[in-house]
N, C-alpha and C. Protein backbone atom coordinates (compact mmCIF):
# COMPACT_ATOMS: atom_id res chain seq x y z
N MET A 1 87.52 140.02 155.72
CA MET A 1 87.13 138.76 156.36
C MET A 1 86.93 137.62 155.34
N PRO A 2 87.36 136.42 155.54
CA PRO A 2 87.33 135.44 154.44
C PRO A 2 85.86 134.95 154.42
N GLY A 3 85.47 134.67 153.04
CA GLY A 3 84.25 133.94 152.95
C GLY A 3 83.24 135.00 152.69
N ASP A 4 82.43 134.79 151.60
CA ASP A 4 81.50 135.80 151.08
C ASP A 4 80.32 136.18 152.13
N MET A 5 79.77 134.98 152.69
CA MET A 5 78.44 135.15 153.55
C MET A 5 78.93 135.69 154.97
N THR A 6 80.11 135.29 155.37
CA THR A 6 80.51 135.74 156.76
C THR A 6 81.14 137.16 156.63
N ALA A 7 81.27 137.65 155.63
CA ALA A 7 81.72 139.12 155.35
C ALA A 7 80.56 140.18 155.46
N ASP A 8 79.32 139.45 155.32
CA ASP A 8 78.06 140.35 155.46
C ASP A 8 77.81 140.36 156.85
N THR A 9 77.98 141.58 157.46
CA THR A 9 77.71 141.61 158.80
C THR A 9 76.43 142.44 159.07
N THR A 10 75.62 142.64 157.99
CA THR A 10 74.43 143.34 158.26
C THR A 10 73.35 142.56 159.02
N THR A 11 73.60 141.21 159.12
CA THR A 11 72.61 140.38 159.96
C THR A 11 73.16 140.20 161.34
N GLU A 12 72.57 140.76 162.23
CA GLU A 12 73.16 140.62 163.54
C GLU A 12 72.91 139.17 164.27
N LEU A 13 74.03 138.77 164.92
CA LEU A 13 73.91 137.35 165.49
C LEU A 13 74.19 137.29 166.99
N HIS A 14 73.71 136.59 167.73
CA HIS A 14 73.89 136.38 169.09
C HIS A 14 74.35 134.96 169.47
N ALA A 15 75.32 134.78 170.21
CA ALA A 15 75.84 133.28 170.51
C ALA A 15 75.70 133.38 172.12
N LEU A 16 75.30 132.20 172.54
CA LEU A 16 75.00 131.92 174.04
C LEU A 16 76.01 130.58 174.27
N ALA A 17 76.94 130.72 175.27
CA ALA A 17 77.81 129.61 175.57
C ALA A 17 77.02 129.04 176.90
N LEU A 18 76.77 127.86 176.99
CA LEU A 18 76.26 127.19 178.25
C LEU A 18 77.40 126.37 178.55
N VAL A 19 78.15 126.90 179.62
CA VAL A 19 79.36 126.17 180.22
C VAL A 19 78.84 125.18 181.34
N CYS A 20 79.20 123.86 180.91
CA CYS A 20 78.52 122.81 181.72
C CYS A 20 79.70 122.18 182.63
N SER A 21 80.56 122.97 183.33
CA SER A 21 81.34 122.58 184.21
C SER A 21 80.81 122.01 185.45
N LEU A 22 81.55 121.36 186.30
CA LEU A 22 81.03 120.85 187.44
C LEU A 22 81.40 121.86 188.61
N LYS A 23 82.14 123.01 188.26
CA LYS A 23 82.83 124.04 189.16
C LYS A 23 81.84 125.19 189.31
N PRO A 24 81.31 125.58 190.48
CA PRO A 24 80.41 126.84 190.44
C PRO A 24 81.63 128.06 190.31
N SER A 25 80.94 129.23 189.85
CA SER A 25 81.75 130.43 189.81
C SER A 25 81.93 130.93 191.34
N PRO A 26 83.10 131.56 191.54
CA PRO A 26 84.08 132.03 190.64
C PRO A 26 85.27 131.03 190.29
N GLU A 27 85.24 129.77 190.74
CA GLU A 27 86.31 128.97 190.56
C GLU A 27 86.63 128.70 189.23
N PRO A 28 88.01 128.88 188.83
CA PRO A 28 88.43 128.87 187.44
C PRO A 28 87.96 127.49 186.72
N SER A 29 87.71 127.58 185.42
CA SER A 29 87.25 126.46 184.73
C SER A 29 87.74 126.40 183.35
N SER A 30 88.17 125.34 182.94
CA SER A 30 88.81 125.17 181.62
C SER A 30 87.78 125.13 180.75
N SER A 31 86.56 124.62 180.96
CA SER A 31 85.56 124.64 180.00
C SER A 31 85.03 126.03 179.63
N GLU A 32 84.99 126.81 180.70
CA GLU A 32 84.65 128.24 180.43
C GLU A 32 85.68 129.05 179.56
N LEU A 33 86.98 128.73 179.95
CA LEU A 33 87.97 129.39 179.05
C LEU A 33 87.92 129.03 177.66
N MET A 34 87.57 127.78 177.35
CA MET A 34 87.55 127.36 176.03
C MET A 34 86.25 127.95 175.47
N ALA A 35 85.37 127.94 176.18
CA ALA A 35 83.93 128.67 175.56
C ALA A 35 84.14 130.22 175.35
N ARG A 36 84.93 130.71 176.08
CA ARG A 36 85.23 132.23 175.81
C ARG A 36 86.02 132.26 174.64
N GLN A 37 86.92 131.34 174.43
CA GLN A 37 87.73 131.47 173.17
C GLN A 37 86.98 131.30 171.93
N VAL A 38 86.11 130.37 172.01
CA VAL A 38 85.05 130.25 171.01
C VAL A 38 84.33 131.50 170.73
N LEU A 39 83.78 132.13 171.87
CA LEU A 39 83.16 133.44 171.69
C LEU A 39 83.81 134.54 171.09
N ASP A 40 85.10 134.49 171.44
CA ASP A 40 86.15 135.48 170.95
C ASP A 40 86.23 135.26 169.38
N ALA A 41 86.34 134.01 169.04
CA ALA A 41 86.65 133.73 167.50
C ALA A 41 85.23 134.13 166.96
N LEU A 42 84.08 133.85 167.34
CA LEU A 42 82.93 134.28 166.79
C LEU A 42 82.82 135.85 166.79
N GLY A 43 83.25 136.58 167.70
CA GLY A 43 83.24 137.92 167.79
C GLY A 43 84.19 138.67 166.66
N GLU A 44 84.87 138.03 166.18
CA GLU A 44 85.78 138.56 165.04
C GLU A 44 84.77 138.80 163.77
N TYR A 45 83.62 138.21 163.80
CA TYR A 45 82.62 138.20 162.73
C TYR A 45 81.31 138.84 163.31
N ASP A 46 81.63 139.80 164.26
CA ASP A 46 80.59 140.68 164.83
C ASP A 46 79.48 139.89 165.40
N VAL A 47 79.73 138.83 166.15
CA VAL A 47 78.77 138.10 166.77
C VAL A 47 78.78 138.33 168.24
N ARG A 48 77.83 138.93 168.85
CA ARG A 48 77.96 139.29 170.26
C ARG A 48 77.55 138.02 171.07
N GLY A 49 78.31 137.98 172.15
CA GLY A 49 78.27 136.59 173.00
C GLY A 49 78.05 136.77 174.42
N GLU A 50 77.63 135.76 175.20
CA GLU A 50 77.52 135.61 176.52
C GLU A 50 77.68 134.26 177.04
N THR A 51 78.31 134.20 178.27
CA THR A 51 78.40 132.77 178.83
C THR A 51 77.54 132.79 180.04
N VAL A 52 77.00 131.42 180.16
CA VAL A 52 76.21 131.18 181.62
C VAL A 52 76.91 129.98 182.11
N ARG A 53 77.26 129.70 183.32
CA ARG A 53 77.77 128.68 183.90
C ARG A 53 76.51 128.03 184.61
N VAL A 54 76.09 126.88 183.99
CA VAL A 54 74.87 126.23 184.26
C VAL A 54 74.91 125.94 185.54
N VAL A 55 75.91 125.27 186.26
CA VAL A 55 75.86 124.93 187.69
C VAL A 55 75.51 125.97 188.52
N ASP A 56 75.71 127.24 188.15
CA ASP A 56 75.37 128.12 189.18
C ASP A 56 73.76 128.36 189.41
N HIS A 57 72.98 127.70 188.65
CA HIS A 57 71.70 127.88 188.63
C HIS A 57 70.93 126.60 188.92
N ASP A 58 69.71 126.67 189.44
CA ASP A 58 69.14 125.37 189.91
C ASP A 58 68.05 124.90 188.75
N VAL A 59 68.85 124.01 187.96
CA VAL A 59 68.24 123.33 186.72
C VAL A 59 67.76 122.01 187.18
N LYS A 60 66.22 121.83 187.29
CA LYS A 60 65.76 120.63 188.02
C LYS A 60 65.97 119.48 186.99
N PRO A 61 65.98 118.34 187.39
CA PRO A 61 66.04 117.21 186.29
C PRO A 61 64.54 116.91 185.80
N GLY A 62 64.56 116.79 184.70
CA GLY A 62 63.33 116.36 183.84
C GLY A 62 63.26 116.74 182.31
N VAL A 63 62.25 116.45 181.72
CA VAL A 63 62.13 116.72 180.25
C VAL A 63 60.97 117.52 179.89
N ARG A 64 60.63 118.43 180.74
CA ARG A 64 59.73 119.46 180.48
C ARG A 64 60.32 120.85 180.31
N THR A 65 59.63 121.89 179.79
CA THR A 65 60.23 123.19 179.63
C THR A 65 60.35 123.95 181.11
N ASN A 66 59.43 123.38 181.92
CA ASN A 66 59.28 124.01 183.28
C ASN A 66 58.88 123.05 184.17
N MET A 67 59.87 122.74 185.26
CA MET A 67 59.73 121.69 186.08
C MET A 67 59.01 122.26 187.50
N GLY A 68 58.49 123.31 187.39
CA GLY A 68 57.98 123.86 188.55
C GLY A 68 58.62 124.82 189.47
N GLU A 69 58.04 125.08 190.58
CA GLU A 69 58.85 125.90 191.67
C GLU A 69 60.21 125.71 191.80
N GLY A 70 60.98 126.95 191.69
CA GLY A 70 62.46 126.78 192.00
C GLY A 70 63.37 126.38 190.59
N ASP A 71 62.67 125.96 189.69
CA ASP A 71 63.30 125.52 188.46
C ASP A 71 63.94 126.92 187.80
N GLU A 72 65.22 126.83 187.30
CA GLU A 72 65.71 128.11 186.88
C GLU A 72 65.93 127.85 185.25
N TRP A 73 65.57 126.63 184.73
CA TRP A 73 65.81 126.33 183.34
C TRP A 73 64.91 127.26 182.54
N PRO A 74 63.69 127.58 182.76
CA PRO A 74 63.02 128.67 181.91
C PRO A 74 63.76 129.87 181.60
N TRP A 75 64.47 130.40 182.59
CA TRP A 75 65.37 131.54 182.39
C TRP A 75 66.31 131.34 181.29
N LEU A 76 67.12 129.90 181.56
CA LEU A 76 68.26 129.83 180.65
C LEU A 76 67.52 129.32 179.30
N ARG A 77 66.26 128.74 179.31
CA ARG A 77 65.67 128.37 177.92
C ARG A 77 65.46 129.76 177.15
N ALA A 78 64.98 130.83 177.78
CA ALA A 78 64.75 131.90 177.23
C ALA A 78 65.89 132.48 176.54
N LYS A 79 67.08 132.32 177.13
CA LYS A 79 68.31 132.68 176.52
C LYS A 79 68.65 131.87 175.27
N VAL A 80 68.45 130.45 175.26
CA VAL A 80 68.66 129.57 174.27
C VAL A 80 67.89 130.18 173.02
N LEU A 81 66.48 130.40 173.35
CA LEU A 81 65.61 130.94 172.29
C LEU A 81 66.03 132.20 171.66
N ASP A 82 66.62 133.06 172.31
CA ASP A 82 67.12 134.30 171.84
C ASP A 82 68.29 134.23 171.14
N ALA A 83 69.14 133.16 171.21
CA ALA A 83 70.31 133.11 170.60
C ALA A 83 70.28 132.48 169.07
N ASP A 84 71.14 132.84 168.41
CA ASP A 84 71.30 132.11 166.92
C ASP A 84 72.36 131.06 167.00
N ILE A 85 73.40 131.15 167.92
CA ILE A 85 74.30 129.97 168.01
C ILE A 85 74.45 129.78 169.34
N LEU A 86 74.36 128.42 169.60
CA LEU A 86 74.67 127.78 170.95
C LEU A 86 75.98 127.18 170.96
N VAL A 87 76.86 127.63 172.05
CA VAL A 87 78.15 127.16 172.22
C VAL A 87 77.87 126.24 173.44
N PHE A 88 78.07 124.77 173.16
CA PHE A 88 77.60 123.89 174.27
C PHE A 88 79.10 123.45 174.73
N ALA A 89 79.45 123.67 175.92
CA ALA A 89 80.86 123.37 176.38
C ALA A 89 80.83 122.57 177.59
N THR A 90 81.60 121.52 177.44
CA THR A 90 81.68 120.47 178.72
C THR A 90 83.04 120.10 178.95
N PRO A 91 83.17 119.53 180.15
CA PRO A 91 84.47 118.89 180.55
C PRO A 91 84.30 117.32 180.15
N THR A 92 85.33 116.71 180.20
CA THR A 92 85.30 115.19 180.17
C THR A 92 85.42 114.56 181.38
N TRP A 93 84.58 113.90 181.83
CA TRP A 93 84.75 113.11 183.16
C TRP A 93 84.50 111.63 182.89
N VAL A 94 85.43 110.79 183.42
CA VAL A 94 85.39 109.36 183.17
C VAL A 94 84.94 109.11 181.65
N GLY A 95 85.47 109.65 180.68
CA GLY A 95 85.33 109.56 179.30
C GLY A 95 84.02 110.02 178.93
N HIS A 96 83.25 110.72 179.51
CA HIS A 96 81.88 111.11 178.94
C HIS A 96 81.75 112.62 179.37
N LEU A 97 80.71 113.22 178.71
CA LEU A 97 80.17 114.64 178.98
C LEU A 97 79.78 114.64 180.49
N SER A 98 79.90 115.82 181.11
CA SER A 98 79.53 115.93 182.49
C SER A 98 78.15 115.81 182.76
N SER A 99 77.75 115.56 183.98
CA SER A 99 76.38 115.34 184.53
C SER A 99 75.48 116.44 184.11
N VAL A 100 76.26 117.91 184.15
CA VAL A 100 75.48 119.03 184.06
C VAL A 100 75.24 119.20 182.43
N ALA A 101 75.99 118.74 181.55
CA ALA A 101 75.78 118.78 180.28
C ALA A 101 74.61 117.79 179.93
N GLN A 102 74.65 116.74 180.48
CA GLN A 102 73.63 115.49 180.24
C GLN A 102 72.25 116.19 180.65
N ARG A 103 72.28 116.93 181.85
CA ARG A 103 70.97 117.53 182.20
C ARG A 103 70.50 118.57 181.27
N VAL A 104 71.45 119.33 180.72
CA VAL A 104 71.02 120.34 179.67
C VAL A 104 70.40 119.69 178.50
N LEU A 105 70.91 118.54 177.91
CA LEU A 105 70.29 117.83 176.99
C LEU A 105 69.07 117.31 177.24
N GLU A 106 68.97 116.87 178.40
CA GLU A 106 67.65 116.36 178.87
C GLU A 106 66.45 117.48 178.79
N ARG A 107 66.98 118.52 179.39
CA ARG A 107 65.92 119.72 179.36
C ARG A 107 65.69 120.12 178.05
N LEU A 108 66.61 120.21 177.21
CA LEU A 108 66.39 120.53 175.72
C LEU A 108 65.65 119.58 174.93
N ASP A 109 65.46 118.38 175.43
CA ASP A 109 64.77 117.41 174.77
C ASP A 109 63.12 117.78 174.84
N ALA A 110 62.76 118.59 175.67
CA ALA A 110 61.47 119.10 175.66
C ALA A 110 61.12 119.86 174.40
N GLU A 111 62.08 120.54 173.69
CA GLU A 111 61.90 121.36 172.65
C GLU A 111 61.24 120.41 171.50
N LEU A 112 61.43 119.17 171.58
CA LEU A 112 60.75 118.39 170.59
C LEU A 112 59.27 118.51 170.39
N SER A 113 58.60 118.95 171.53
CA SER A 113 57.30 119.22 171.42
C SER A 113 56.84 120.62 171.37
N GLU A 114 57.86 121.58 171.06
CA GLU A 114 57.70 122.87 170.96
C GLU A 114 57.92 123.50 169.61
N THR A 115 56.92 124.21 169.03
CA THR A 115 56.93 124.71 167.71
C THR A 115 56.85 126.12 167.73
N ASP A 116 57.31 126.80 166.26
CA ASP A 116 57.04 128.29 166.08
C ASP A 116 55.63 128.57 165.70
N ASP A 117 55.35 129.76 165.06
CA ASP A 117 53.94 129.90 164.71
C ASP A 117 53.80 129.32 163.27
N GLN A 118 54.69 128.75 162.57
CA GLN A 118 54.52 128.03 161.47
C GLN A 118 54.68 126.53 161.47
N GLY A 119 54.73 125.90 162.69
CA GLY A 119 54.89 124.63 162.97
C GLY A 119 56.30 123.98 162.96
N ARG A 120 57.25 124.77 162.92
CA ARG A 120 58.58 124.29 162.91
C ARG A 120 59.10 124.17 164.35
N PRO A 121 59.84 123.11 164.51
CA PRO A 121 60.40 122.71 165.94
C PRO A 121 61.20 123.89 166.35
N SER A 122 61.08 124.42 167.74
CA SER A 122 61.52 125.68 168.26
C SER A 122 62.98 125.93 168.04
N MET A 123 63.90 124.96 168.01
CA MET A 123 65.29 125.04 167.66
C MET A 123 65.78 125.10 166.23
N TYR A 124 64.77 125.10 165.21
CA TYR A 124 64.98 125.12 163.80
C TYR A 124 65.60 126.44 163.68
N GLY A 125 66.71 126.54 162.69
CA GLY A 125 67.46 127.80 162.38
C GLY A 125 68.32 128.13 163.28
N LYS A 126 68.74 127.54 164.36
CA LYS A 126 69.74 127.72 165.33
C LYS A 126 71.11 126.66 165.21
N ILE A 127 72.14 127.37 165.31
CA ILE A 127 73.32 126.58 165.11
C ILE A 127 73.92 126.19 166.50
N ALA A 128 74.39 124.88 166.45
CA ALA A 128 74.98 124.38 167.76
C ALA A 128 76.33 124.03 167.48
N VAL A 129 77.35 124.44 168.24
CA VAL A 129 78.71 124.03 168.29
C VAL A 129 79.17 123.54 169.53
N LEU A 130 80.23 122.78 169.46
CA LEU A 130 80.76 122.12 170.79
C LEU A 130 82.30 122.33 171.22
N ALA A 131 82.36 122.53 172.44
CA ALA A 131 83.73 122.92 173.03
C ALA A 131 84.04 121.83 174.12
N VAL A 132 84.98 121.03 173.90
CA VAL A 132 85.07 119.88 174.87
C VAL A 132 86.62 119.92 175.43
N VAL A 133 86.64 119.84 176.70
CA VAL A 133 88.07 119.91 177.21
C VAL A 133 88.22 118.95 178.37
N GLY A 134 89.41 118.34 178.47
CA GLY A 134 89.73 117.24 179.55
C GLY A 134 91.14 116.86 179.47
N ASN A 135 91.61 116.29 180.74
CA ASN A 135 92.85 115.62 180.77
C ASN A 135 92.85 114.21 180.57
N GLU A 136 91.74 113.76 179.79
CA GLU A 136 91.58 112.19 179.61
C GLU A 136 90.84 112.18 178.22
N ASP A 137 90.96 111.04 177.52
CA ASP A 137 90.46 110.82 176.25
C ASP A 137 88.86 110.89 176.42
N GLY A 138 88.11 110.98 175.26
CA GLY A 138 86.71 111.02 175.23
C GLY A 138 86.07 112.17 174.48
N ALA A 139 86.86 113.02 173.97
CA ALA A 139 86.17 114.21 173.32
C ALA A 139 85.45 113.84 172.17
N HIS A 140 86.10 112.92 171.23
CA HIS A 140 85.39 112.58 169.93
C HIS A 140 83.99 112.02 170.17
N LYS A 141 83.99 110.98 171.29
CA LYS A 141 82.78 110.39 171.60
C LYS A 141 81.80 111.53 172.10
N ILE A 142 82.24 112.40 172.97
CA ILE A 142 81.33 113.35 173.60
C ILE A 142 80.78 114.35 172.33
N ILE A 143 81.69 114.59 171.54
CA ILE A 143 81.04 115.44 170.35
C ILE A 143 80.06 114.58 169.29
N ALA A 144 80.38 113.49 169.20
CA ALA A 144 79.37 112.65 168.42
C ALA A 144 78.14 112.46 169.23
N ASP A 145 78.11 112.09 170.31
CA ASP A 145 76.86 111.99 171.26
C ASP A 145 76.14 113.26 171.27
N SER A 146 76.78 114.37 171.52
CA SER A 146 76.12 115.63 171.84
C SER A 146 75.59 116.22 170.43
N PHE A 147 76.29 115.97 169.32
CA PHE A 147 75.60 116.39 168.10
C PHE A 147 74.45 115.74 167.74
N GLN A 148 74.55 114.48 167.92
CA GLN A 148 73.44 113.59 167.67
C GLN A 148 72.18 114.24 168.36
N ALA A 149 72.27 114.23 169.81
CA ALA A 149 71.18 114.76 170.48
C ALA A 149 70.88 116.08 170.01
N LEU A 150 71.69 117.12 169.94
CA LEU A 150 71.35 118.52 169.35
C LEU A 150 70.71 118.57 168.09
N ASN A 151 71.11 117.64 167.10
CA ASN A 151 70.54 117.50 165.87
C ASN A 151 69.11 116.93 165.91
N ASP A 152 68.99 115.95 166.77
CA ASP A 152 67.54 115.53 166.88
C ASP A 152 66.56 116.62 167.40
N ILE A 153 67.14 117.34 168.33
CA ILE A 153 66.38 118.58 168.85
C ILE A 153 65.93 119.42 167.96
N GLY A 154 66.81 119.58 166.89
CA GLY A 154 66.51 120.59 165.74
C GLY A 154 67.70 121.62 165.50
N PHE A 155 68.67 121.48 166.15
CA PHE A 155 69.86 122.32 165.90
C PHE A 155 70.44 122.10 164.66
N THR A 156 71.04 122.90 163.93
CA THR A 156 71.94 122.70 162.88
C THR A 156 73.45 122.61 163.25
N ILE A 157 74.13 121.61 162.60
CA ILE A 157 75.52 121.48 162.89
C ILE A 157 76.32 121.94 161.89
N PRO A 158 77.13 122.89 162.01
CA PRO A 158 78.09 123.19 160.72
C PRO A 158 79.27 122.28 160.68
N ALA A 159 80.02 122.39 159.42
CA ALA A 159 81.17 121.71 159.10
C ALA A 159 82.12 122.13 160.16
N ASN A 160 83.00 121.13 160.66
CA ASN A 160 83.98 121.29 161.78
C ASN A 160 83.38 122.08 162.95
N GLY A 161 82.21 121.68 163.38
CA GLY A 161 81.68 122.26 164.49
C GLY A 161 81.92 122.08 165.68
N GLY A 162 83.14 121.22 165.98
CA GLY A 162 83.40 120.95 167.36
C GLY A 162 84.91 121.21 167.46
N THR A 163 85.43 121.80 168.60
CA THR A 163 86.75 122.16 168.97
C THR A 163 86.92 121.36 170.29
N TYR A 164 88.16 120.84 170.48
CA TYR A 164 88.57 120.10 171.80
C TYR A 164 90.00 120.12 172.10
N TRP A 165 90.18 119.82 173.39
CA TRP A 165 91.57 119.63 173.88
C TRP A 165 91.52 118.39 174.70
N ASN A 166 92.46 117.41 174.53
CA ASN A 166 92.82 116.31 175.40
C ASN A 166 94.28 116.17 175.82
N TYR A 167 94.70 116.03 176.95
CA TYR A 167 96.11 115.94 177.16
C TYR A 167 96.45 114.42 177.03
N GLU A 168 97.88 114.16 176.98
CA GLU A 168 98.09 112.93 176.93
C GLU A 168 97.73 111.85 177.82
N ALA A 169 97.71 110.53 177.60
CA ALA A 169 97.00 109.66 178.65
C ALA A 169 97.93 109.46 179.85
N MET A 170 97.41 109.21 181.13
CA MET A 170 97.93 108.93 182.13
C MET A 170 98.82 110.08 182.65
N ASN A 171 98.64 111.28 182.10
CA ASN A 171 99.54 112.45 182.61
C ASN A 171 98.83 113.58 182.57
N PRO A 172 97.91 113.79 183.84
CA PRO A 172 96.94 114.82 183.72
C PRO A 172 97.55 116.17 183.72
N LYS A 173 96.73 117.11 183.14
CA LYS A 173 97.17 118.44 183.09
C LYS A 173 95.98 119.16 182.67
N ASP A 174 95.65 120.46 183.19
CA ASP A 174 94.35 121.20 182.90
C ASP A 174 94.77 122.23 181.67
N TYR A 175 93.66 122.41 181.04
CA TYR A 175 93.78 123.36 180.01
C TYR A 175 94.01 124.87 180.38
N LEU A 176 93.58 125.05 181.44
CA LEU A 176 93.89 126.44 182.23
C LEU A 176 95.50 126.58 182.53
N ASP A 177 96.30 125.53 182.59
CA ASP A 177 97.60 125.50 182.98
C ASP A 177 98.47 125.76 181.69
N LEU A 178 97.81 125.69 180.52
CA LEU A 178 98.73 125.82 179.43
C LEU A 178 99.34 127.19 179.20
N GLU A 179 100.51 127.26 178.74
CA GLU A 179 101.15 128.58 178.58
C GLU A 179 100.47 129.44 177.45
N LYS A 180 100.08 128.67 176.45
CA LYS A 180 99.40 129.31 175.27
C LYS A 180 98.44 128.24 174.64
N THR A 181 97.47 128.74 173.96
CA THR A 181 96.57 127.79 173.25
C THR A 181 97.28 127.00 172.07
N PRO A 182 97.24 125.75 172.08
CA PRO A 182 97.86 125.13 171.01
C PRO A 182 97.56 125.45 169.69
N ASP A 183 98.41 125.35 168.64
CA ASP A 183 97.91 125.91 167.40
C ASP A 183 96.88 125.29 166.65
N ALA A 184 96.78 123.81 166.92
CA ALA A 184 95.69 122.93 166.41
C ALA A 184 94.50 123.27 166.78
N VAL A 185 94.35 123.61 168.34
CA VAL A 185 93.15 124.10 168.88
C VAL A 185 92.76 125.40 168.42
N GLU A 186 93.73 126.33 168.43
CA GLU A 186 93.34 127.59 167.88
C GLU A 186 92.65 127.78 166.38
N GLY A 187 93.43 126.68 165.57
CA GLY A 187 92.93 126.64 164.20
C GLY A 187 91.48 126.00 164.01
N THR A 188 91.33 125.02 164.74
CA THR A 188 90.10 124.26 164.77
C THR A 188 88.92 125.27 165.21
N THR A 189 89.25 126.04 166.24
CA THR A 189 88.26 127.09 166.72
C THR A 189 87.81 128.08 165.73
N ARG A 190 88.88 128.56 165.09
CA ARG A 190 88.59 129.63 164.00
C ARG A 190 87.72 129.01 162.79
N LYS A 191 88.08 127.75 162.57
CA LYS A 191 87.20 127.10 161.36
C LYS A 191 85.75 126.92 161.99
N LEU A 192 85.69 126.52 163.10
CA LEU A 192 84.23 126.41 163.82
C LEU A 192 83.72 127.76 163.74
N ALA A 193 84.28 128.72 164.08
CA ALA A 193 83.66 130.08 164.07
C ALA A 193 83.19 130.51 162.72
N ILE A 194 83.99 130.52 161.79
CA ILE A 194 83.63 130.93 160.39
C ILE A 194 82.46 130.11 159.83
N ASN A 195 82.64 128.87 160.11
CA ASN A 195 81.44 128.01 159.60
C ASN A 195 80.07 128.19 160.18
N ALA A 196 80.35 128.38 161.60
CA ALA A 196 79.00 128.66 162.27
C ALA A 196 78.44 129.94 161.77
N VAL A 197 79.13 130.97 161.90
CA VAL A 197 78.53 132.36 161.34
C VAL A 197 77.97 132.20 159.98
N HIS A 198 78.67 131.56 159.10
CA HIS A 198 78.21 131.39 157.65
C HIS A 198 76.78 130.71 157.74
N ALA A 199 76.73 129.59 158.35
CA ALA A 199 75.32 128.85 158.48
C ALA A 199 74.23 129.63 159.30
N ALA A 200 74.75 130.44 160.27
CA ALA A 200 73.69 131.08 161.02
C ALA A 200 73.26 132.35 160.05
N ARG A 201 74.07 132.94 159.42
CA ARG A 201 73.58 134.14 158.65
C ARG A 201 72.63 133.53 157.40
N LEU A 202 73.02 132.37 156.87
CA LEU A 202 72.09 131.68 155.97
C LEU A 202 70.67 131.48 156.45
N LEU A 203 70.85 130.74 157.61
CA LEU A 203 69.39 130.45 158.19
C LEU A 203 68.69 131.72 158.72
N LYS A 204 69.26 132.68 159.27
CA LYS A 204 68.72 133.89 159.45
C LYS A 204 67.95 134.52 158.50
N THR A 205 68.52 134.45 157.33
CA THR A 205 67.66 135.09 156.18
C THR A 205 66.82 134.07 155.20
N ARG A 206 67.06 132.75 155.48
CA ARG A 206 66.21 131.82 154.74
C ARG A 206 66.15 130.58 155.67
N GLN A 207 65.09 130.65 156.45
CA GLN A 207 64.74 129.79 157.55
C GLN A 207 64.32 128.32 156.86
N TYR A 208 64.51 127.27 157.47
CA TYR A 208 63.93 125.90 157.13
C TYR A 208 62.54 126.15 156.69
N PRO A 209 61.94 125.29 155.81
CA PRO A 209 60.55 125.41 155.27
C PRO A 209 59.71 124.81 156.51
N PRO A 210 58.41 125.15 156.76
CA PRO A 210 57.41 124.53 157.81
C PRO A 210 57.17 123.17 157.28
N PRO A 211 56.91 122.32 158.14
CA PRO A 211 56.58 120.93 157.79
C PRO A 211 55.40 120.94 156.68
N GLY A 212 55.20 120.01 155.85
CA GLY A 212 54.26 119.97 154.84
C GLY A 212 53.03 119.32 155.42
């Protein structure tokens, strides 16, 4: 495998893909397809992965870790806490991330008040990468806005940490309908994977210092 740090597979890593499609399972989802492609690329470096389609769960609006009876976010939060790499996958709707993705970011905002036993924010040491898909423009802005939010929350963003696909303007087509993954998307996803694994293994063995 290329890269000295990523070739060291002695450090086990786990990736969680939160798929923020508006479509409930089992309806086909371009966002889920791209998320699984990212997980497949990470899997080449011995990263075990799983996907969760957020809309299948009752995630209440709010900015606390638990919004009370019926809220399924605590279950999802436990999965985020268990993961080393978060794959944040969203479609593009009217030029923006989905409402489901926005809700996930709002719930993750609660982590600003959560710390580990050494006083570090709860998401320190975790890597976040983006997968954005849509048949309209907006991917660059979604990646920029999401990375800013995730970095504020405490996630680490690796080099080339976003992969995306947009179709040409005024001519809608779904990523699911492509005969093959475009070479540019596949190459970008591979760069994302190797850099995410490299950063995750570094942080797994040498965590950020606690606040002074």
